[in-house]
């Protein structure tokens, strides 16, 4: 198995290495990417971290070795970097969201399992602050490509919008790899 951008997006392929004439078989497709792939501890399934829900999110899925339907394991909004326990029954994930810094959570290896936070990296003062949840927006670039962004407005902090005031724009400029 290997990852490739053969179709313009980072997807999973397999190839029979014993057959010198074998062509790769694409196991995943869509306008999203796989950011990480591994085998389950018992080597019976692929574990895929993908952006299929949204370019700014990373979720863990399981999929049979021959492809097919994927089963989403992480459900909390945000990004998840997951490692399975050696016996495959538990998962540790570093999870973050647009207004939450990365923390370590533990959960059972099943879809929708509760995530139990085991680290607290922020101060009490930081946690007491009401952090803004930005609005997720899209717009079309000049070439027609849809660009995703997080929008913060003065109203979100109780301020009045001033039409002539400057804005801050972070341009990621990396195609479909989202840094926003």
C-alpha atoms as a PDB file:
ATOM      1  CA  UNK A   1       0.000   0.000   0.000  1.00  0.00           C
ATOM      2  CA  UNK A   2       1.050   3.582  -0.588  1.00  0.00           C
ATOM      3  CA  UNK A   3      -0.273   7.138  -0.735  1.00  0.00           C
ATOM      4  CA  UNK A   4      -0.255   9.079  -3.967  1.00  0.00           C
ATOM      5  CA  UNK A   5      -1.679  12.255  -5.498  1.00  0.00           C
ATOM      6  CA  UNK A   6      -2.213  10.492  -8.844  1.00  0.00           C
ATOM      7  CA  UNK A   7      -5.769  11.874  -9.084  1.00  0.00           C
ATOM      8  CA  UNK A   8      -4.861  15.299  -7.646  1.00  0.00           C
ATOM      9  CA  UNK A   9      -5.638  14.380  -4.016  1.00  0.00           C
ATOM     10  CA  UNK A  10      -3.626  12.280  -1.540  1.00  0.00           C
ATOM     11  CA  UNK A  11      -5.320   8.865  -1.596  1.00  0.00           C
ATOM     12  CA  UNK A  12      -4.580   5.250  -0.705  1.00  0.00           C
ATOM     13  CA  UNK A  13      -3.533   2.683  -3.306  1.00  0.00           C
ATOM     14  CA  UNK A  14      -2.487  -0.960  -3.226  1.00  0.00           C
ATOM     15  CA  UNK A  15      -0.467  -2.954  -5.712  1.00  0.00           C
ATOM     16  CA  UNK A  16       0.412  -6.650  -5.960  1.00  0.00           C
ATOM     17  CA  UNK A  17       4.215  -6.544  -5.762  1.00  0.00           C
ATOM     18  CA  UNK A  18       4.465 -10.191  -6.841  1.00  0.00           C
ATOM     19  CA  UNK A  19       2.964  -9.321 -10.236  1.00  0.00           C
ATOM     20  CA  UNK A  20       5.412  -7.267 -12.305  1.00  0.00           C
ATOM     21  CA  UNK A  21       2.563  -6.125 -14.576  1.00  0.00           C
ATOM     22  CA  UNK A  22       0.102  -5.186 -11.819  1.00  0.00           C
ATOM     23  CA  UNK A  23      -1.417  -1.741 -11.862  1.00  0.00           C
ATOM     24  CA  UNK A  24      -2.154   0.099  -8.616  1.00  0.00           C
ATOM     25  CA  UNK A  25      -5.718  -0.087  -7.285  1.00  0.00           C
ATOM     26  CA  UNK A  26      -7.088   3.145  -5.808  1.00  0.00           C
ATOM     27  CA  UNK A  27      -8.927   2.375  -2.540  1.00  0.00           C
ATOM     28  CA  UNK A  28     -10.117   5.904  -1.642  1.00  0.00           C
ATOM     29  CA  UNK A  29     -11.421   8.737  -3.800  1.00  0.00           C
ATOM     30  CA  UNK A  30     -12.862  12.184  -3.319  1.00  0.00           C
ATOM     31  CA  UNK A  31     -12.019  15.857  -2.982  1.00  0.00           C
ATOM     32  CA  UNK A  32     -10.191  15.334   0.316  1.00  0.00           C
ATOM     33  CA  UNK A  33      -6.845  13.960   1.404  1.00  0.00           C
ATOM     34  CA  UNK A  34      -5.418  11.274   3.623  1.00  0.00           C
ATOM     35  CA  UNK A  35      -2.936  12.833   6.031  1.00  0.00           C
ATOM     36  CA  UNK A  36      -1.858   9.597   7.726  1.00  0.00           C
ATOM     37  CA  UNK A  37      -2.335   5.864   7.200  1.00  0.00           C
ATOM     38  CA  UNK A  38      -1.326   2.804   9.173  1.00  0.00           C
ATOM     39  CA  UNK A  39      -2.452  -0.771   9.756  1.00  0.00           C
ATOM     40  CA  UNK A  40      -4.434  -1.800  12.821  1.00  0.00           C
ATOM     41  CA  UNK A  41      -2.353  -3.737  15.387  1.00  0.00           C
ATOM     42  CA  UNK A  42      -3.868  -7.033  14.138  1.00  0.00           C
ATOM     43  CA  UNK A  43      -3.135  -5.922  10.537  1.00  0.00           C
ATOM     44  CA  UNK A  44      -6.763  -6.507   9.499  1.00  0.00           C
ATOM     45  CA  UNK A  45      -7.731  -2.908   8.624  1.00  0.00           C
ATOM     46  CA  UNK A  46      -6.341   0.396   7.484  1.00  0.00           C
ATOM     47  CA  UNK A  47      -6.447   3.297   9.930  1.00  0.00           C
ATOM     48  CA  UNK A  48      -6.833   6.522   7.949  1.00  0.00           C
ATOM     49  CA  UNK A  49      -6.644  10.112   9.129  1.00  0.00           C
ATOM     50  CA  UNK A  50      -8.487  12.184   6.541  1.00  0.00           C
ATOM     51  CA  UNK A  51      -9.874  15.621   5.760  1.00  0.00           C
ATOM     52  CA  UNK A  52     -13.069  14.282   4.187  1.00  0.00           C
ATOM     53  CA  UNK A  53     -15.364  16.048   6.672  1.00  0.00           C
ATOM     54  CA  UNK A  54     -13.693  19.461   6.136  1.00  0.00           C
ATOM     55  CA  UNK A  55     -10.210  20.595   5.057  1.00  0.00           C
ATOM     56  CA  UNK A  56      -9.631  22.073   8.529  1.00  0.00           C
ATOM     57  CA  UNK A  57     -10.506  18.836  10.333  1.00  0.00           C
ATOM     58  CA  UNK A  58      -8.631  15.566  10.757  1.00  0.00           C
ATOM     59  CA  UNK A  59     -10.601  12.459  11.768  1.00  0.00           C
ATOM     60  CA  UNK A  60      -9.656   8.800  12.167  1.00  0.00           C
ATOM     61  CA  UNK A  61     -11.436   6.160  10.088  1.00  0.00           C
ATOM     62  CA  UNK A  62     -11.138   2.388   9.753  1.00  0.00           C
ATOM     63  CA  UNK A  63     -11.386   0.669   6.391  1.00  0.00           C
ATOM     64  CA  UNK A  64     -11.051  -2.919   5.183  1.00  0.00           C
ATOM     65  CA  UNK A  65      -7.772  -3.821   3.479  1.00  0.00           C
ATOM     66  CA  UNK A  66      -9.556  -4.129   0.134  1.00  0.00           C
ATOM     67  CA  UNK A  67     -11.255  -0.714   0.466  1.00  0.00           C
ATOM     68  CA  UNK A  68     -14.950  -0.007   0.721  1.00  0.00           C
ATOM     69  CA  UNK A  69     -16.896   1.876   3.366  1.00  0.00           C
ATOM     70  CA  UNK A  70     -14.979   3.713   6.063  1.00  0.00           C
ATOM     71  CA  UNK A  71     -16.060   3.835   9.711  1.00  0.00           C
ATOM     72  CA  UNK A  72     -15.407   7.172  11.449  1.00  0.00           C
ATOM     73  CA  UNK A  73     -13.964   6.714  14.944  1.00  0.00           C
ATOM     74  CA  UNK A  74     -13.389  10.298  16.142  1.00  0.00           C
ATOM     75  CA  UNK A  75     -16.389  12.610  16.309  1.00  0.00           C
ATOM     76  CA  UNK A  76     -15.390  15.747  18.228  1.00  0.00           C
ATOM     77  CA  UNK A  77     -14.907  18.791  15.967  1.00  0.00           C
ATOM     78  CA  UNK A  78     -11.244  19.513  15.273  1.00  0.00           C
ATOM     79  CA  UNK A  79      -8.061  17.673  14.437  1.00  0.00           C
ATOM     80  CA  UNK A  80      -7.047  14.312  15.898  1.00  0.00           C
ATOM     81  CA  UNK A  81      -3.682  12.544  15.839  1.00  0.00           C
ATOM     82  CA  UNK A  82      -4.429   9.011  17.012  1.00  0.00           C
ATOM     83  CA  UNK A  83      -2.296   6.088  18.181  1.00  0.00           C
ATOM     84  CA  UNK A  84      -3.813   2.706  19.008  1.00  0.00           C
ATOM     85  CA  UNK A  85      -2.724   0.692  22.026  1.00  0.00           C
ATOM     86  CA  UNK A  86      -0.683  -2.446  21.190  1.00  0.00           C
ATOM     87  CA  UNK A  87      -3.742  -4.657  21.799  1.00  0.00           C
ATOM     88  CA  UNK A  88      -5.914  -2.357  19.639  1.00  0.00           C
ATOM     89  CA  UNK A  89      -8.606  -1.850  22.307  1.00  0.00           C
ATOM     90  CA  UNK A  90      -7.817   1.773  23.289  1.00  0.00           C
ATOM     91  CA  UNK A  91      -6.737   4.907  21.476  1.00  0.00           C
ATOM     92  CA  UNK A  92      -4.733   7.942  22.546  1.00  0.00           C
ATOM     93  CA  UNK A  93      -5.379  11.106  20.583  1.00  0.00           C
ATOM     94  CA  UNK A  94      -3.889  14.565  20.573  1.00  0.00           C
ATOM     95  CA  UNK A  95      -6.945  16.644  19.767  1.00  0.00           C
ATOM     96  CA  UNK A  96      -7.385  20.335  19.096  1.00  0.00           C
ATOM     97  CA  UNK A  97      -9.963  22.709  17.633  1.00  0.00           C
ATOM     98  CA  UNK A  98      -9.931  26.267  16.342  1.00  0.00           C
ATOM     99  CA  UNK A  99     -10.347  27.633  19.859  1.00  0.00           C
ATOM    100  CA  UNK A 100      -8.821  24.753  21.864  1.00  0.00           C
ATOM    101  CA  UNK A 101      -5.106  23.939  22.036  1.00  0.00           C
ATOM    102  CA  UNK A 102      -3.872  20.355  21.671  1.00  0.00           C
ATOM    103  CA  UNK A 103      -4.522  18.045  24.624  1.00  0.00           C
ATOM    104  CA  UNK A 104      -4.130  14.287  25.085  1.00  0.00           C
ATOM    105  CA  UNK A 105      -7.310  12.211  25.351  1.00  0.00           C
ATOM    106  CA  UNK A 106      -7.947   8.478  25.802  1.00  0.00           C
ATOM    107  CA  UNK A 107     -10.887   6.606  24.314  1.00  0.00           C
ATOM    108  CA  UNK A 108     -12.057   3.093  23.561  1.00  0.00           C
ATOM    109  CA  UNK A 109     -11.433   1.856  20.031  1.00  0.00           C
ATOM    110  CA  UNK A 110     -15.001   2.185  18.768  1.00  0.00           C
ATOM    111  CA  UNK A 111     -16.989   4.732  16.812  1.00  0.00           C
ATOM    112  CA  UNK A 112     -18.277   7.607  18.935  1.00  0.00           C
ATOM    113  CA  UNK A 113     -16.533   6.512  22.151  1.00  0.00           C
ATOM    114  CA  UNK A 114     -16.211   9.168  24.858  1.00  0.00           C
ATOM    115  CA  UNK A 115     -12.900  11.002  24.854  1.00  0.00           C
ATOM    116  CA  UNK A 116     -11.409  11.439  28.337  1.00  0.00           C
ATOM    117  CA  UNK A 117      -8.892  14.278  28.619  1.00  0.00           C
ATOM    118  CA  UNK A 118      -5.707  13.286  30.463  1.00  0.00           C
ATOM    119  CA  UNK A 119      -3.667  16.485  30.087  1.00  0.00           C
ATOM    120  CA  UNK A 120      -4.375  20.116  30.844  1.00  0.00           C
ATOM    121  CA  UNK A 121      -1.739  22.285  29.220  1.00  0.00           C
ATOM    122  CA  UNK A 122      -3.358  25.672  29.748  1.00  0.00           C
ATOM    123  CA  UNK A 123      -3.504  27.885  32.813  1.00  0.00           C
ATOM    124  CA  UNK A 124      -6.668  28.446  34.809  1.00  0.00           C
ATOM    125  CA  UNK A 125      -6.697  32.049  33.551  1.00  0.00           C
ATOM    126  CA  UNK A 126      -6.507  30.851  29.933  1.00  0.00           C
ATOM    127  CA  UNK A 127      -9.376  28.393  30.445  1.00  0.00           C
ATOM    128  CA  UNK A 128     -11.555  31.092  32.078  1.00  0.00           C
ATOM    129  CA  UNK A 129     -11.390  33.286  28.960  1.00  0.00           C
ATOM    130  CA  UNK A 130     -14.290  32.932  26.495  1.00  0.00           C
ATOM    131  CA  UNK A 131     -12.359  32.013  23.337  1.00  0.00           C
ATOM    132  CA  UNK A 132     -14.050  32.860  20.061  1.00  0.00           C
ATOM    133  CA  UNK A 133     -15.334  30.127  17.770  1.00  0.00           C
ATOM    134  CA  UNK A 134     -14.658  31.520  14.284  1.00  0.00           C
ATOM    135  CA  UNK A 135     -17.161  31.266  11.472  1.00  0.00           C
ATOM    136  CA  UNK A 136     -16.074  28.826   8.759  1.00  0.00           C
ATOM    137  CA  UNK A 137     -16.538  30.400   5.324  1.00  0.00           C
ATOM    138  CA  UNK A 138     -15.609  29.646   1.748  1.00  0.00           C
ATOM    139  CA  UNK A 139     -15.035  31.909  -1.201  1.00  0.00           C
ATOM    140  CA  UNK A 140     -14.023  31.402  -4.802  1.00  0.00           C
ATOM    141  CA  UNK A 141     -10.568  32.480  -5.880  1.00  0.00           C
ATOM    142  CA  UNK A 142     -10.021  34.093  -9.281  1.00  0.00           C
ATOM    143  CA  UNK A 143      -9.294  30.684 -10.817  1.00  0.00           C
ATOM    144  CA  UNK A 144     -12.562  29.254  -9.438  1.00  0.00           C
ATOM    145  CA  UNK A 145     -10.954  27.170  -6.688  1.00  0.00           C
ATOM    146  CA  UNK A 146     -12.943  27.146  -3.462  1.00  0.00           C
ATOM    147  CA  UNK A 147     -10.879  28.534  -0.557  1.00  0.00           C
ATOM    148  CA  UNK A 148     -11.737  27.778   3.067  1.00  0.00           C
ATOM    149  CA  UNK A 149     -11.231  30.366   5.781  1.00  0.00           C
ATOM    150  CA  UNK A 150     -11.989  31.127   9.404  1.00  0.00           C
ATOM    151  CA  UNK A 151     -13.633  34.517   9.888  1.00  0.00           C
ATOM    152  CA  UNK A 152     -13.307  36.554  13.072  1.00  0.00           C
ATOM    153  CA  UNK A 153     -15.357  39.751  13.243  1.00  0.00           C
ATOM    154  CA  UNK A 154     -15.417  42.619  15.785  1.00  0.00           C
ATOM    155  CA  UNK A 155     -18.958  41.619  16.799  1.00  0.00           C
ATOM    156  CA  UNK A 156     -17.610  38.328  18.142  1.00  0.00           C
ATOM    157  CA  UNK A 157     -15.860  40.255  20.937  1.00  0.00           C
ATOM    158  CA  UNK A 158     -18.626  42.806  21.466  1.00  0.00           C
ATOM    159  CA  UNK A 159     -17.029  45.530  19.342  1.00  0.00           C
ATOM    160  CA  UNK A 160     -18.620  47.603  16.597  1.00  0.00           C
ATOM    161  CA  UNK A 161     -17.577  47.008  13.013  1.00  0.00           C
ATOM    162  CA  UNK A 162     -15.806  49.969  11.423  1.00  0.00           C
ATOM    163  CA  UNK A 163     -16.016  49.727   7.612  1.00  0.00           C
ATOM    164  CA  UNK A 164     -12.759  51.628   7.035  1.00  0.00           C
ATOM    165  CA  UNK A 165     -10.739  49.749   9.661  1.00  0.00           C
ATOM    166  CA  UNK A 166      -8.000  47.369   8.489  1.00  0.00           C
ATOM    167  CA  UNK A 167      -8.306  43.583   8.436  1.00  0.00           C
ATOM    168  CA  UNK A 168      -5.732  40.898   9.159  1.00  0.00           C
ATOM    169  CA  UNK A 169      -5.460  38.191   6.517  1.00  0.00           C
ATOM    170  CA  UNK A 170      -3.335  35.038   6.771  1.00  0.00           C
ATOM    171  CA  UNK A 171      -2.712  33.565   3.313  1.00  0.00           C
ATOM    172  CA  UNK A 172      -1.715  29.920   3.424  1.00  0.00           C
ATOM    173  CA  UNK A 173      -0.990  29.649  -0.307  1.00  0.00           C
ATOM    174  CA  UNK A 174      -0.545  25.882  -0.246  1.00  0.00           C
ATOM    175  CA  UNK A 175      -3.251  24.563  -2.554  1.00  0.00           C
ATOM    176  CA  UNK A 176      -5.499  22.119  -0.720  1.00  0.00           C
ATOM    177  CA  UNK A 177      -3.176  21.751   2.304  1.00  0.00           C
ATOM    178  CA  UNK A 178      -4.958  24.007   4.790  1.00  0.00           C
ATOM    179  CA  UNK A 179      -2.970  26.044   7.300  1.00  0.00           C
ATOM    180  CA  UNK A 180      -5.820  28.405   8.234  1.00  0.00           C
END
